[in-house]
Amino acid sequence: MASETAGSTAEKTASVKGLTLSGAGALVLSLAVNWVIVFGANTGGIAPELDALTYGPVTLFTALGVVGATVTYGVLTRIATNPDRLFVIVAAIVLLLSLIPDFTVIPDQPGGSLVAGTILGVMHVTTAVICVGVLTR
């Protein structure tokens, strides 16, 4: 019985390590893509006064989203019989909810516009796709 406990502890440690590495990979890739999008928006002169389209907020909110996705996926792997499928559903719902402020709040912000909101929405979609792809592989 002691060997079963040690085995399951080793498996949990390995899965936590794998999940952490996957989450870190999703974070690095998401940040790289979103920084390129911010660079393009800044270079194109799209919403230069909009704080939400600067590196600081994009970095913070991308990191929070990816960490949240990683923790959520980790929990689902422990409680769900088909965590990948459930994670895709949860990610889709969270993505749809995250788009609401992009099209309702951002256009009314100083320097904001519907184009700026769309660009932020694209960043949400790319981050969601990266998280689902990396975490469920």
C-alpha atoms as a PDB file:
ATOM      1  CA  MET A   1       0.000   0.000   0.000  1.00  0.00           C
ATOM      2  CA  ALA A   2       2.878   2.369   0.712  1.00  0.00           C
ATOM      3  CA  SER A   3       4.193   1.842  -2.820  1.00  0.00           C
ATOM      4  CA  GLU A   4       0.766   2.782  -4.246  1.00  0.00           C
ATOM      5  CA  THR A   5       0.827   6.034  -2.306  1.00  0.00           C
ATOM      6  CA  ALA A   6       4.379   6.774  -3.419  1.00  0.00           C
ATOM      7  CA  GLY A   7       3.446   5.983  -7.017  1.00  0.00           C
ATOM      8  CA  SER A   8       0.408   8.241  -7.011  1.00  0.00           C
ATOM      9  CA  THR A   9       2.416  11.027  -5.347  1.00  0.00           C
ATOM     10  CA  ALA A  10       5.119  10.684  -8.003  1.00  0.00           C
ATOM     11  CA  GLU A  11       2.462  10.757 -10.750  1.00  0.00           C
ATOM     12  CA  LYS A  12       0.882  13.884  -9.246  1.00  0.00           C
ATOM     13  CA  THR A  13       4.286  15.549  -8.982  1.00  0.00           C
ATOM     14  CA  ALA A  14       5.056  14.674 -12.593  1.00  0.00           C
ATOM     15  CA  SER A  15       1.663  15.919 -13.769  1.00  0.00           C
ATOM     16  CA  VAL A  16       2.011  19.158 -11.789  1.00  0.00           C
ATOM     17  CA  LYS A  17       5.471  19.648 -13.296  1.00  0.00           C
ATOM     18  CA  GLY A  18       4.133  18.930 -16.784  1.00  0.00           C
ATOM     19  CA  LEU A  19       1.181  21.261 -16.255  1.00  0.00           C
ATOM     20  CA  THR A  20       3.478  23.997 -14.962  1.00  0.00           C
ATOM     21  CA  LEU A  21       5.764  23.622 -17.978  1.00  0.00           C
ATOM     22  CA  SER A  22       2.803  23.637 -20.353  1.00  0.00           C
ATOM     23  CA  GLY A  23       1.385  26.717 -18.640  1.00  0.00           C
ATOM     24  CA  ALA A  24       4.753  28.471 -18.884  1.00  0.00           C
ATOM     25  CA  GLY A  25       4.951  27.589 -22.575  1.00  0.00           C
ATOM     26  CA  ALA A  26       1.438  28.919 -23.160  1.00  0.00           C
ATOM     27  CA  LEU A  27       2.363  32.108 -21.309  1.00  0.00           C
ATOM     28  CA  VAL A  28       5.534  32.715 -23.305  1.00  0.00           C
ATOM     29  CA  LEU A  29       3.790  32.063 -26.619  1.00  0.00           C
ATOM     30  CA  SER A  30       0.733  34.166 -25.696  1.00  0.00           C
ATOM     31  CA  LEU A  31       2.879  37.075 -24.555  1.00  0.00           C
ATOM     32  CA  ALA A  32       4.989  36.945 -27.713  1.00  0.00           C
ATOM     33  CA  VAL A  33       1.917  36.984 -29.965  1.00  0.00           C
ATOM     34  CA  ASN A  34       0.189  39.725 -27.986  1.00  0.00           C
ATOM     35  CA  TRP A  35       3.309  41.887 -27.881  1.00  0.00           C
ATOM     36  CA  VAL A  36       3.573  41.616 -31.672  1.00  0.00           C
ATOM     37  CA  ILE A  37      -0.053  42.706 -31.926  1.00  0.00           C
ATOM     38  CA  VAL A  38       0.578  45.662 -29.568  1.00  0.00           C
ATOM     39  CA  PHE A  39       3.652  46.598 -31.589  1.00  0.00           C
ATOM     40  CA  GLY A  40       1.604  46.504 -34.789  1.00  0.00           C
ATOM     41  CA  ALA A  41      -1.203  48.567 -33.266  1.00  0.00           C
ATOM     42  CA  ASN A  42       1.267  51.142 -31.927  1.00  0.00           C
ATOM     43  CA  THR A  43       3.167  51.282 -35.203  1.00  0.00           C
ATOM     44  CA  GLY A  44      -0.104  51.706 -37.088  1.00  0.00           C
ATOM     45  CA  GLY A  45      -1.166  54.542 -34.802  1.00  0.00           C
ATOM     46  CA  ILE A  46      -4.269  52.679 -33.618  1.00  0.00           C
ATOM     47  CA  ALA A  47      -5.514  54.126 -30.330  1.00  0.00           C
ATOM     48  CA  PRO A  48      -2.173  55.579 -29.165  1.00  0.00           C
ATOM     49  CA  GLU A  49      -3.787  57.023 -26.004  1.00  0.00           C
ATOM     50  CA  LEU A  50      -5.610  53.835 -25.026  1.00  0.00           C
ATOM     51  CA  ASP A  51      -3.893  52.351 -21.964  1.00  0.00           C
ATOM     52  CA  ALA A  52      -5.361  48.900 -22.611  1.00  0.00           C
ATOM     53  CA  LEU A  53      -3.285  48.645 -25.802  1.00  0.00           C
ATOM     54  CA  THR A  54       0.070  49.149 -24.106  1.00  0.00           C
ATOM     55  CA  TYR A  55       2.592  46.526 -23.045  1.00  0.00           C
ATOM     56  CA  GLY A  56       1.981  46.746 -19.285  1.00  0.00           C
ATOM     57  CA  PRO A  57      -1.746  46.004 -19.198  1.00  0.00           C
ATOM     58  CA  VAL A  58      -1.473  43.488 -22.040  1.00  0.00           C
ATOM     59  CA  THR A  59       1.286  41.643 -20.167  1.00  0.00           C
ATOM     60  CA  LEU A  60      -0.617  41.684 -16.877  1.00  0.00           C
ATOM     61  CA  PHE A  61      -3.953  40.527 -18.270  1.00  0.00           C
ATOM     62  CA  THR A  62      -2.402  37.935 -20.577  1.00  0.00           C
ATOM     63  CA  ALA A  63      -0.493  36.480 -17.619  1.00  0.00           C
ATOM     64  CA  LEU A  64      -3.611  36.436 -15.438  1.00  0.00           C
ATOM     65  CA  GLY A  65      -5.599  34.741 -18.188  1.00  0.00           C
ATOM     66  CA  VAL A  66      -2.988  32.076 -18.877  1.00  0.00           C
ATOM     67  CA  VAL A  67      -2.439  31.349 -15.187  1.00  0.00           C
ATOM     68  CA  GLY A  68      -6.203  31.130 -14.723  1.00  0.00           C
ATOM     69  CA  ALA A  69      -6.492  28.774 -17.681  1.00  0.00           C
ATOM     70  CA  THR A  70      -3.646  26.608 -16.391  1.00  0.00           C
ATOM     71  CA  VAL A  71      -5.119  26.342 -12.895  1.00  0.00           C
ATOM     72  CA  THR A  72      -8.561  25.618 -14.350  1.00  0.00           C
ATOM     73  CA  TYR A  73      -7.173  22.879 -16.575  1.00  0.00           C
ATOM     74  CA  GLY A  74      -5.259  21.421 -13.625  1.00  0.00           C
ATOM     75  CA  VAL A  75      -8.429  21.276 -11.532  1.00  0.00           C
ATOM     76  CA  LEU A  76     -10.409  19.743 -14.400  1.00  0.00           C
ATOM     77  CA  THR A  77      -7.796  17.000 -14.851  1.00  0.00           C
ATOM     78  CA  ARG A  78      -8.405  16.010 -11.239  1.00  0.00           C
ATOM     79  CA  ILE A  79     -12.220  16.093 -11.212  1.00  0.00           C
ATOM     80  CA  ALA A  80     -13.476  15.455 -14.751  1.00  0.00           C
ATOM     81  CA  THR A  81     -13.563  12.229 -16.731  1.00  0.00           C
ATOM     82  CA  ASN A  82     -12.935  14.152 -19.967  1.00  0.00           C
ATOM     83  CA  PRO A  83     -10.997  17.252 -18.877  1.00  0.00           C
ATOM     84  CA  ASP A  84      -9.941  18.272 -22.400  1.00  0.00           C
ATOM     85  CA  ARG A  85     -13.513  18.477 -23.668  1.00  0.00           C
ATOM     86  CA  LEU A  86     -14.716  20.297 -20.556  1.00  0.00           C
ATOM     87  CA  PHE A  87     -11.772  22.703 -20.728  1.00  0.00           C
ATOM     88  CA  VAL A  88     -12.615  23.600 -24.330  1.00  0.00           C
ATOM     89  CA  ILE A  89     -16.185  24.382 -23.243  1.00  0.00           C
ATOM     90  CA  VAL A  90     -15.065  26.447 -20.248  1.00  0.00           C
ATOM     91  CA  ALA A  91     -12.462  28.278 -22.359  1.00  0.00           C
ATOM     92  CA  ALA A  92     -15.070  29.098 -25.015  1.00  0.00           C
ATOM     93  CA  ILE A  93     -17.469  30.503 -22.423  1.00  0.00           C
ATOM     94  CA  VAL A  94     -14.752  32.566 -20.727  1.00  0.00           C
ATOM     95  CA  LEU A  95     -13.562  33.804 -24.129  1.00  0.00           C
ATOM     96  CA  LEU A  96     -17.049  34.952 -25.098  1.00  0.00           C
ATOM     97  CA  LEU A  97     -17.454  36.731 -21.757  1.00  0.00           C
ATOM     98  CA  SER A  98     -14.032  38.380 -22.124  1.00  0.00           C
ATOM     99  CA  LEU A  99     -15.061  39.877 -25.456  1.00  0.00           C
ATOM    100  CA  ILE A 100     -17.972  41.829 -23.974  1.00  0.00           C
ATOM    101  CA  PRO A 101     -15.868  44.690 -22.532  1.00  0.00           C
ATOM    102  CA  ASP A 102     -13.840  44.903 -25.750  1.00  0.00           C
ATOM    103  CA  PHE A 103     -16.948  45.961 -27.637  1.00  0.00           C
ATOM    104  CA  THR A 104     -18.894  47.741 -24.888  1.00  0.00           C
ATOM    105  CA  VAL A 105     -16.327  49.466 -22.656  1.00  0.00           C
ATOM    106  CA  ILE A 106     -13.194  49.979 -24.790  1.00  0.00           C
ATOM    107  CA  PRO A 107     -14.848  52.121 -27.490  1.00  0.00           C
ATOM    108  CA  ASP A 108     -15.916  54.609 -24.780  1.00  0.00           C
ATOM    109  CA  GLN A 109     -12.478  54.831 -23.128  1.00  0.00           C
ATOM    110  CA  PRO A 110     -10.186  57.806 -23.782  1.00  0.00           C
ATOM    111  CA  GLY A 111      -8.421  56.961 -27.038  1.00  0.00           C
ATOM    112  CA  GLY A 112     -10.624  53.908 -27.523  1.00  0.00           C
ATOM    113  CA  SER A 113     -12.517  52.820 -30.604  1.00  0.00           C
ATOM    114  CA  LEU A 114     -14.274  49.818 -32.029  1.00  0.00           C
ATOM    115  CA  VAL A 115     -11.074  48.991 -33.942  1.00  0.00           C
ATOM    116  CA  ALA A 116      -9.078  49.044 -30.699  1.00  0.00           C
ATOM    117  CA  GLY A 117     -11.679  46.802 -29.060  1.00  0.00           C
ATOM    118  CA  THR A 118     -11.443  44.414 -31.988  1.00  0.00           C
ATOM    119  CA  ILE A 119      -7.666  44.261 -31.660  1.00  0.00           C
ATOM    120  CA  LEU A 120      -8.004  43.467 -27.950  1.00  0.00           C
ATOM    121  CA  GLY A 121     -10.573  40.818 -28.864  1.00  0.00           C
ATOM    122  CA  VAL A 122      -8.112  39.271 -31.303  1.00  0.00           C
ATOM    123  CA  MET A 123      -5.593  39.066 -28.462  1.00  0.00           C
ATOM    124  CA  HIS A 124      -8.173  37.268 -26.308  1.00  0.00           C
ATOM    125  CA  VAL A 125      -8.875  34.791 -29.095  1.00  0.00           C
ATOM    126  CA  THR A 126      -5.192  34.088 -29.780  1.00  0.00           C
ATOM    127  CA  THR A 127      -4.480  33.564 -26.089  1.00  0.00           C
ATOM    128  CA  ALA A 128      -7.474  31.217 -25.727  1.00  0.00           C
ATOM    129  CA  VAL A 129      -6.438  29.198 -28.783  1.00  0.00           C
ATOM    130  CA  ILE A 130      -2.857  28.958 -27.511  1.00  0.00           C
ATOM    131  CA  CYS A 131      -3.972  27.872 -24.030  1.00  0.00           C
ATOM    132  CA  VAL A 132      -6.356  25.230 -25.339  1.00  0.00           C
ATOM    133  CA  GLY A 133      -3.773  23.958 -27.823  1.00  0.00           C
ATOM    134  CA  VAL A 134      -0.851  23.835 -25.417  1.00  0.00           C
ATOM    135  CA  LEU A 135      -2.621  22.662 -22.266  1.00  0.00           C
ATOM    136  CA  THR A 136      -4.666  19.888 -23.860  1.00  0.00           C
ATOM    137  CA  ARG A 137      -1.924  18.332 -25.985  1.00  0.00           C
END
